Amino acid sequence: MIFDYLKESINNIRRNKKNKTLIIIFTLLFVLLFIDIIFYKNFKEFINLSTNKNVGFRTFTVYKEKITFNSAVAELKNIEEIVEVFPSSYYSYGIETDIRTNNLDGEIDLLYGTKNITPKSILGKQIEELQTGEIICPYDFYPDTSAYSLKIDSSKIIKPDESLNYEFNAFYLNVKIIDDKPIPDKERAIKKFKIVGLYDNKLVMNQNNQCYITPQDMKTLQSSLNPHLNYETSNDVFVYVVIDNAKNLDKVQEELKKIGYNLSQDTLMSIDKKSINLIITLSMTFLIVVIFTIILIQFSYINKKLENESQYLGILKACGYNKKQIILKQFVDVITTLTIIFIISITIFNILFILTINSSFNSFKYIGFEMSNSNYLLIIAFFITTSMILFMCYFMINKKINNSADYLLKE
């Protein structure tokens, strides 16, 4: 019986132009629905990955008067959730090098490296094994200014067998204090580095030109640039504090306030929460609007269809069809139409995802984020929407066929 209903539904779709129009409209709406769902899924994943992986989202500044640097470090590290403390200017140092492999400009970003905040090397030495002048760089090394904007030419990435044990010169300013004025040397100072380890920058969402150096080397570079700053002899401290997990941020900050520290409310790297909430709200609103539009159009279509087929329903009742059989027949008709719409919609969406959506975010894969599709999630969304439509259809059809056969035949 169901097979006969299915065959009749397919024939009706082929013959009725209104059904074809409905399929076109619903296909467009479902494609928009799928785009919104996948965007929301990936957007939330990107936010979660950023805040949990990148150490900048777990780092903030603290300040306290009348305390030495060493005393402050000991006091701060006594808090369980704090994993690292270091001077505020030591976080990073952008520097030019003589690396010209693959016509790259040699610009790299040196990061303060310790065992507590540096990811494990996948090749070569670990950070705790480094000597001065040694450095750990990304496995897919790309020493170029364009790495900051994620404009990476994959063909120019320096391969691990070329970058490991590679030696290069880094150029930096050497500033001297003369008559209480900072005077930079005419010629830049040179420091030799050797890449002795490679790490996966995607694990911590770093750029492909960000390398880790020892605290001693960072001190040398920063002292040369800012010779007037001496954290070890100062009686006031202004330092970065790194905590173990972003979810502990509020707890640690409250604890630091209690022991007399002033601190920044924002982390070193932060996300505009208002913008994030706005994007999420707009995405959810769009989702609701599309689903509501689908249901509203389906309601109007079924209502009109039942009016047009009133005599046909009367004939079915007069011929002995019971209520369940008539409802089943109408359900098969609706489900057949929606299934065809879903197959067309998900096919179009997957083609769009491969050709445009995924490629638009291709550059983000170098920092550990890739746009991912989920047909399983789309099937669930379709199933929920279809269930809502069928629930509505049941009451509409049931109300219609509760009338007598004579009443339906006269409509």
Protein backbone atom coordinates (compact mmCIF):
# COMPACT_ATOMS: atom_id res chain seq x y z
CA MET A 1 0.00 0.00 0.00
CA ILE A 2 2.76 2.44 0.96
CA PHE A 3 4.58 1.66 -2.28
CA ASP A 4 1.44 2.57 -4.25
CA TYR A 5 1.13 5.82 -2.28
CA LEU A 6 4.77 6.59 -2.99
CA LYS A 7 4.40 5.93 -6.70
CA GLU A 8 1.32 8.15 -6.85
CA SER A 9 3.12 10.95 -4.96
CA ILE A 10 6.04 10.92 -7.39
CA ASN A 11 3.64 11.05 -10.35
CA ASN A 12 1.81 13.98 -8.76
CA ILE A 13 5.07 15.88 -8.28
CA ARG A 14 5.97 15.35 -11.92
CA ARG A 15 2.56 16.48 -13.19
CA ASN A 16 1.83 19.41 -10.86
CA LYS A 17 3.78 22.61 -11.57
CA LYS A 18 2.96 23.94 -8.11
CA ASN A 19 4.89 21.05 -6.58
CA LYS A 20 7.93 21.95 -8.68
CA THR A 21 7.69 25.57 -7.52
CA LEU A 22 7.47 24.40 -3.92
CA ILE A 23 10.58 22.25 -4.39
CA ILE A 24 12.56 25.19 -5.76
CA ILE A 25 11.53 27.51 -2.91
CA PHE A 26 12.15 24.90 -0.21
CA THR A 27 15.49 23.92 -1.72
CA LEU A 28 16.67 27.53 -1.45
CA LEU A 29 15.42 27.77 2.15
CA PHE A 30 17.05 24.50 3.20
CA VAL A 31 20.37 25.51 1.61
CA LEU A 32 20.25 28.75 3.61
CA LEU A 33 19.36 26.74 6.72
CA PHE A 34 22.32 24.39 6.19
CA ILE A 35 24.73 27.31 5.62
CA ASP A 36 23.60 28.94 8.86
CA ILE A 37 23.93 25.69 10.85
CA ILE A 38 27.44 24.92 9.58
CA PHE A 39 28.53 28.53 10.07
CA TYR A 40 27.30 28.49 13.67
CA LYS A 41 28.97 25.14 14.36
CA ASN A 42 32.35 26.26 13.00
CA PHE A 43 32.16 29.71 14.56
CA LYS A 44 31.60 28.24 18.02
CA GLU A 45 34.42 25.75 17.48
CA PHE A 46 36.78 28.55 16.43
CA ILE A 47 36.00 30.59 19.56
CA ASN A 48 36.44 27.55 21.81
CA LEU A 49 39.68 26.51 20.14
CA SER A 50 41.12 30.03 20.37
CA THR A 51 40.39 30.54 24.05
CA ASN A 52 41.53 27.06 25.08
CA LYS A 53 44.61 26.57 22.90
CA ASN A 54 46.33 29.94 22.52
CA VAL A 55 48.22 30.93 25.67
CA GLY A 56 47.44 34.60 25.01
CA PHE A 57 43.83 34.02 26.10
CA ARG A 58 45.14 32.75 29.46
CA THR A 59 47.65 35.56 30.02
CA PHE A 60 47.04 38.91 31.73
CA THR A 61 49.09 41.62 33.43
CA VAL A 62 49.42 42.22 37.16
CA TYR A 63 51.04 45.10 39.02
CA LYS A 64 52.14 45.58 42.61
CA GLU A 65 54.21 48.22 44.40
CA LYS A 66 56.96 47.76 46.94
CA ILE A 67 57.84 44.19 46.07
CA THR A 68 60.81 42.70 44.24
CA PHE A 69 60.44 40.68 41.08
CA ASN A 70 61.68 37.44 42.65
CA SER A 71 59.36 37.85 45.65
CA ALA A 72 56.41 38.51 43.35
CA VAL A 73 57.18 35.43 41.24
CA ALA A 74 57.36 33.24 44.35
CA GLU A 75 54.10 34.70 45.66
CA LEU A 76 52.25 34.38 42.38
CA LYS A 77 53.42 30.85 41.60
CA ASN A 78 52.14 29.81 44.99
CA ILE A 79 48.66 30.01 43.46
CA GLU A 80 47.87 26.59 42.03
CA GLU A 81 46.29 27.73 38.74
CA ILE A 82 49.20 30.02 37.79
CA VAL A 83 51.71 28.14 35.62
CA GLU A 84 54.09 30.94 34.61
CA VAL A 85 55.14 34.48 35.54
CA PHE A 86 57.49 36.68 33.51
CA PRO A 87 58.19 40.40 32.81
CA SER A 88 55.54 42.11 30.72
CA SER A 89 57.88 43.06 27.87
CA TYR A 90 59.19 39.50 27.47
CA TYR A 91 56.14 37.97 25.76
CA SER A 92 57.34 38.41 22.18
CA TYR A 93 59.93 40.15 20.02
CA GLY A 94 59.43 40.74 16.29
CA ILE A 95 62.75 40.49 14.49
CA GLU A 96 64.24 40.50 11.00
CA THR A 97 66.55 37.69 9.92
CA ASP A 98 68.68 36.78 6.92
CA ILE A 99 66.50 33.76 6.09
CA ARG A 100 65.71 34.18 2.40
CA THR A 101 64.68 30.63 1.56
CA ASN A 102 61.94 30.49 -1.12
CA ASN A 103 62.15 34.31 -1.45
CA LEU A 104 60.57 34.88 1.97
CA ASP A 105 61.42 38.13 3.78
CA GLY A 106 62.74 36.44 6.96
CA GLU A 107 60.46 38.22 9.45
CA ILE A 108 59.78 36.07 12.54
CA ASP A 109 58.21 36.55 15.95
CA LEU A 110 60.23 35.32 18.93
CA LEU A 111 58.19 34.08 21.90
CA TYR A 112 59.21 33.72 25.52
CA GLY A 113 59.71 30.00 26.05
CA THR A 114 59.60 27.90 29.19
CA LYS A 115 58.57 24.32 29.92
CA ASN A 116 55.22 25.49 31.30
CA ILE A 117 53.99 27.44 28.26
CA THR A 118 55.86 26.01 25.27
CA PRO A 119 54.27 23.13 23.33
CA LYS A 120 56.21 19.88 23.04
CA SER A 121 58.58 19.60 20.09
CA ILE A 122 57.77 16.90 17.57
CA LEU A 123 61.32 16.94 16.22
CA GLY A 124 64.58 17.88 17.91
CA LYS A 125 65.10 19.39 21.36
CA GLN A 126 62.49 20.36 23.94
CA ILE A 127 62.44 23.91 25.32
CA GLU A 128 64.04 22.90 28.65
CA GLU A 129 67.03 21.49 26.72
CA LEU A 130 67.79 24.70 24.85
CA GLN A 131 71.01 26.65 25.24
CA THR A 132 71.36 30.34 24.45
CA GLY A 133 71.24 30.89 20.70
CA GLU A 134 69.01 27.88 20.11
CA ILE A 135 65.42 28.18 18.97
CA ILE A 136 62.27 26.09 18.39
CA CYS A 137 60.21 26.94 15.28
CA PRO A 138 57.00 25.64 13.66
CA TYR A 139 57.08 22.32 11.83
CA ASP A 140 55.65 24.14 8.78
CA PHE A 141 58.04 27.09 9.05
CA TYR A 142 57.12 30.26 7.15
CA PRO A 143 59.43 33.17 8.09
CA ASP A 144 57.59 36.00 6.37
CA THR A 145 55.52 39.06 7.28
CA SER A 146 52.49 37.64 5.46
CA ALA A 147 52.22 34.90 8.11
CA TYR A 148 50.67 37.46 10.50
CA SER A 149 47.71 37.88 8.13
CA LEU A 150 47.60 34.14 7.32
CA LYS A 151 48.41 34.79 3.67
CA ILE A 152 50.62 31.75 3.30
CA ASP A 153 51.84 30.29 0.03
CA SER A 154 51.96 26.57 0.81
CA SER A 155 54.59 26.00 -1.88
CA LYS A 156 57.01 28.28 0.02
CA ILE A 157 56.73 26.62 3.43
CA ILE A 158 60.19 25.50 4.55
CA LYS A 159 60.20 21.74 4.99
CA PRO A 160 61.31 20.17 8.29
CA ASP A 161 64.42 18.57 6.78
CA GLU A 162 65.54 22.05 5.65
CA SER A 163 64.61 24.03 8.77
CA LEU A 164 65.90 21.68 11.50
CA ASN A 165 69.52 22.57 12.40
CA TYR A 166 69.33 25.64 10.15
CA GLU A 167 71.48 28.57 11.34
CA PHE A 168 70.67 32.21 10.65
CA ASN A 169 71.41 35.76 11.82
CA ALA A 170 68.84 37.97 13.53
CA PHE A 171 69.14 41.76 13.48
CA TYR A 172 68.01 43.94 16.38
CA LEU A 173 68.49 47.44 17.82
CA ASN A 174 71.09 48.05 20.48
CA VAL A 175 70.11 51.12 22.50
CA LYS A 176 72.39 52.94 24.95
CA ILE A 177 71.51 55.52 27.57
CA ILE A 178 73.61 58.65 27.05
CA ASP A 179 72.83 61.70 29.18
CA ASP A 180 69.60 60.03 30.25
CA LYS A 181 68.51 59.71 26.64
CA PRO A 182 68.12 56.44 24.69
CA ILE A 183 70.46 56.50 21.68
CA PRO A 184 70.32 53.52 19.25
CA ASP A 185 73.52 52.35 17.58
CA LYS A 186 73.82 53.26 13.92
CA GLU A 187 74.28 49.65 12.97
CA ARG A 188 71.96 46.94 14.18
CA ALA A 189 73.32 44.24 16.43
CA ILE A 190 73.44 40.66 15.18
CA LYS A 191 72.63 37.50 17.08
CA LYS A 192 73.07 34.02 15.62
CA PHE A 193 70.35 31.44 16.15
CA LYS A 194 70.10 27.75 15.33
CA ILE A 195 66.80 25.92 14.90
CA VAL A 196 67.14 22.82 17.09
CA GLY A 197 63.48 21.85 17.53
CA LEU A 198 60.20 21.91 15.64
CA TYR A 199 56.70 22.14 17.16
CA ASP A 200 53.19 21.92 15.75
CA ASN A 201 51.94 25.52 15.84
CA LYS A 202 48.38 24.35 15.08
CA LEU A 203 48.16 22.82 18.58
CA VAL A 204 48.39 26.29 20.15
CA MET A 205 47.04 28.34 17.22
CA ASN A 206 50.27 30.23 16.65
CA GLN A 207 51.32 31.76 13.36
CA ASN A 208 53.79 29.85 11.21
CA ASN A 209 56.61 32.33 11.86
CA GLN A 210 56.42 32.27 15.67
CA CYS A 211 59.41 30.62 17.34
CA TYR A 212 60.30 30.04 21.00
CA ILE A 213 63.59 31.18 22.53
CA THR A 214 65.10 30.86 25.99
CA PRO A 215 64.33 33.40 28.74
CA GLN A 216 68.04 34.39 28.66
CA ASP A 217 67.90 35.27 24.95
CA MET A 218 64.65 37.19 25.39
CA LYS A 219 66.26 39.15 28.22
CA THR A 220 69.24 39.98 26.00
CA LEU A 221 67.03 41.29 23.19
CA GLN A 222 64.70 43.28 25.43
CA SER A 223 67.55 44.73 27.49
CA SER A 224 69.23 45.90 24.30
CA LEU A 225 66.03 47.62 23.20
CA ASN A 226 65.06 48.96 26.66
CA PRO A 227 68.24 49.31 28.70
CA HIS A 228 66.49 51.58 31.23
CA LEU A 229 64.26 48.72 32.40
CA ASN A 230 65.60 46.38 35.06
CA TYR A 231 63.03 44.09 36.58
CA GLU A 232 65.43 42.44 38.98
CA THR A 233 66.31 45.66 40.85
CA SER A 234 62.94 47.41 40.66
CA ASN A 235 60.73 47.60 43.76
CA ASP A 236 57.59 47.60 41.63
CA VAL A 237 56.58 44.67 39.45
CA PHE A 238 54.59 44.66 36.24
CA VAL A 239 54.41 41.11 34.95
CA TYR A 240 52.44 38.68 32.83
CA VAL A 241 50.67 35.86 34.61
CA VAL A 242 49.70 32.68 32.71
CA ILE A 243 46.99 30.44 34.14
CA ASP A 244 46.34 26.78 33.36
CA ASN A 245 42.85 27.16 31.89
CA ALA A 246 40.77 30.09 30.63
CA LYS A 247 37.80 28.98 32.72
CA ASN A 248 39.84 29.73 35.88
CA LEU A 249 40.43 33.35 34.87
CA ASP A 250 37.84 34.98 37.15
CA LYS A 251 38.78 32.82 40.11
CA VAL A 252 42.51 33.65 39.87
CA GLN A 253 41.89 37.35 39.33
CA GLU A 254 39.72 37.57 42.43
CA GLU A 255 42.39 35.78 44.45
CA LEU A 256 45.09 38.18 43.22
CA LYS A 257 43.01 41.19 44.18
CA LYS A 258 42.71 39.85 47.71
CA ILE A 259 46.51 39.74 48.12
CA GLY A 260 47.00 43.30 46.88
CA TYR A 261 47.65 43.01 43.14
CA ASN A 262 46.26 45.39 40.54
CA LEU A 263 45.45 43.64 37.29
CA SER A 264 44.11 44.12 33.81
CA GLN A 265 40.58 42.93 33.18
CA ASP A 266 41.47 41.77 29.67
CA THR A 267 43.82 38.98 28.74
CA LEU A 268 46.77 39.51 26.41
CA MET A 269 44.63 38.24 23.57
CA SER A 270 40.90 38.78 23.85
CA ILE A 271 37.71 38.46 21.88
CA ASP A 272 35.05 41.15 21.68
CA LYS A 273 32.29 39.38 23.60
CA LYS A 274 29.64 41.86 22.44
CA SER A 275 30.45 41.14 18.80
CA ILE A 276 30.57 37.40 19.47
CA ASN A 277 27.18 37.47 21.19
CA LEU A 278 25.75 39.60 18.38
CA ILE A 279 26.94 37.15 15.72
CA ILE A 280 25.54 34.19 17.69
CA THR A 281 22.21 35.99 18.20
CA LEU A 282 21.95 36.89 14.51
CA SER A 283 22.77 33.33 13.50
CA MET A 284 20.15 31.86 15.84
CA THR A 285 17.58 34.44 14.73
CA PHE A 286 18.22 33.62 11.08
CA LEU A 287 17.84 29.91 11.90
CA ILE A 288 14.46 30.48 13.54
CA VAL A 289 13.26 32.75 10.72
CA VAL A 290 14.17 30.19 8.03
CA ILE A 291 12.49 27.30 9.89
CA PHE A 292 9.41 29.44 10.58
CA THR A 293 9.27 30.42 6.89
CA ILE A 294 9.48 26.77 5.82
CA ILE A 295 6.66 25.80 8.18
CA LEU A 296 4.52 28.80 7.19
CA ILE A 297 4.88 28.07 3.47
CA GLN A 298 4.15 24.39 4.07
CA PHE A 299 1.08 25.33 6.12
CA SER A 300 -0.25 27.54 3.31
CA TYR A 301 0.51 24.89 0.71
CA ILE A 302 -1.19 22.04 2.61
CA ASN A 303 -4.18 24.22 3.47
CA LYS A 304 -4.64 25.11 -0.20
CA LYS A 305 -4.02 21.52 -1.25
CA LEU A 306 -6.67 20.19 1.14
CA GLU A 307 -9.18 22.73 -0.19
CA ASN A 308 -8.47 21.74 -3.77
CA GLU A 309 -8.61 18.02 -2.97
CA SER A 310 -11.71 18.18 -0.76
CA GLN A 311 -13.84 16.22 -3.23
CA TYR A 312 -11.02 13.70 -3.73
CA LEU A 313 -10.87 13.13 0.04
CA GLY A 314 -14.64 12.71 0.05
CA ILE A 315 -14.41 10.08 -2.68
CA LEU A 316 -11.72 8.23 -0.67
CA LYS A 317 -13.99 8.16 2.39
CA ALA A 318 -16.97 7.08 0.28
CA CYS A 319 -14.88 4.26 -1.20
CA GLY A 320 -14.13 2.89 2.25
CA TYR A 321 -10.76 4.43 3.12
CA ASN A 322 -10.50 4.94 6.86
CA LYS A 323 -8.96 7.96 8.59
CA LYS A 324 -5.56 6.31 9.17
CA GLN A 325 -5.22 5.33 5.51
CA ILE A 326 -6.05 8.85 4.30
CA ILE A 327 -3.62 10.46 6.78
CA LEU A 328 -0.92 7.93 5.80
CA LYS A 329 -1.46 8.74 2.14
CA GLN A 330 -1.07 12.47 2.79
CA PHE A 331 1.98 11.84 4.98
CA VAL A 332 3.65 9.83 2.23
CA ASP A 333 2.97 12.71 -0.16
CA VAL A 334 4.55 15.28 2.20
CA ILE A 335 7.52 13.07 3.15
CA THR A 336 8.23 12.23 -0.51
CA THR A 337 8.31 15.91 -1.44
CA LEU A 338 10.50 16.86 1.53
CA THR A 339 12.90 13.96 0.88
CA ILE A 340 13.40 15.07 -2.72
CA ILE A 341 13.97 18.63 -1.46
CA PHE A 342 16.49 17.40 1.11
CA ILE A 343 18.48 15.37 -1.43
CA ILE A 344 18.69 18.34 -3.80
CA SER A 345 19.45 20.81 -0.98
CA ILE A 346 22.22 18.82 0.68
CA THR A 347 23.81 18.11 -2.71
CA ILE A 348 23.84 21.81 -3.61
CA PHE A 349 25.14 22.73 -0.15
CA ASN A 350 27.98 20.19 -0.26
CA ILE A 351 29.04 21.46 -3.68
CA LEU A 352 28.98 25.06 -2.39
CA PHE A 353 30.92 24.04 0.72
CA ILE A 354 33.68 22.37 -1.28
CA LEU A 355 33.94 25.07 -3.95
CA THR A 356 33.46 28.28 -1.98
CA ILE A 357 32.82 28.07 1.76
CA ASN A 358 35.69 25.76 2.67
CA SER A 359 38.21 27.47 0.37
CA SER A 360 37.32 30.89 1.83
CA PHE A 361 38.65 29.77 5.22
CA ASN A 362 41.51 27.71 3.83
CA SER A 363 44.20 29.99 5.27
CA PHE A 364 42.99 29.35 8.84
CA LYS A 365 44.12 25.73 8.66
CA TYR A 366 47.71 26.90 9.22
CA ILE A 367 46.83 27.98 12.76
CA GLY A 368 44.85 24.85 13.56
CA PHE A 369 41.33 25.69 12.42
CA GLU A 370 39.61 24.10 9.44
CA MET A 371 36.02 24.56 8.30
CA SER A 372 34.31 21.24 8.77
CA ASN A 373 31.07 20.03 7.27
CA SER A 374 28.66 17.72 9.09
CA ASN A 375 26.02 15.97 7.00
CA TYR A 376 24.97 14.15 10.15
CA LEU A 377 24.09 17.49 11.78
CA LEU A 378 22.21 18.57 8.65
CA ILE A 379 20.21 15.32 8.63
CA ILE A 380 19.22 15.95 12.26
CA ALA A 381 18.16 19.51 11.37
CA PHE A 382 16.10 18.19 8.45
CA PHE A 383 14.53 15.49 10.63
CA ILE A 384 13.51 18.04 13.29
CA THR A 385 12.05 20.41 10.69
CA THR A 386 10.21 17.55 8.97
CA SER A 387 8.82 16.34 12.30
CA MET A 388 7.43 19.81 13.01
CA ILE A 389 5.85 19.92 9.55
CA LEU A 390 4.29 16.45 9.92
CA PHE A 391 2.98 17.33 13.38
CA MET A 392 1.27 20.37 11.87
CA CYS A 393 0.03 18.35 8.89
CA TYR A 394 -1.56 15.72 11.10
CA PHE A 395 -3.85 18.20 12.81
CA MET A 396 -4.74 19.93 9.54
CA ILE A 397 -5.57 16.68 7.72
CA ASN A 398 -7.31 15.17 10.73
CA LYS A 399 -9.52 18.24 11.10
CA LYS A 400 -10.38 18.12 7.41
CA ILE A 401 -11.33 14.44 7.17
CA ASN A 402 -13.39 14.55 10.36
CA ASN A 403 -16.08 15.97 8.10
CA SER A 404 -18.47 13.55 6.48
CA ALA A 405 -17.99 12.28 2.92
CA ASP A 406 -21.13 14.20 1.80
CA TYR A 407 -19.75 17.49 3.21
CA LEU A 408 -16.37 16.97 1.50
CA LEU A 409 -18.00 16.11 -1.83
CA LYS A 410 -20.10 19.28 -1.74
CA GLU A 411 -17.12 21.63 -1.00
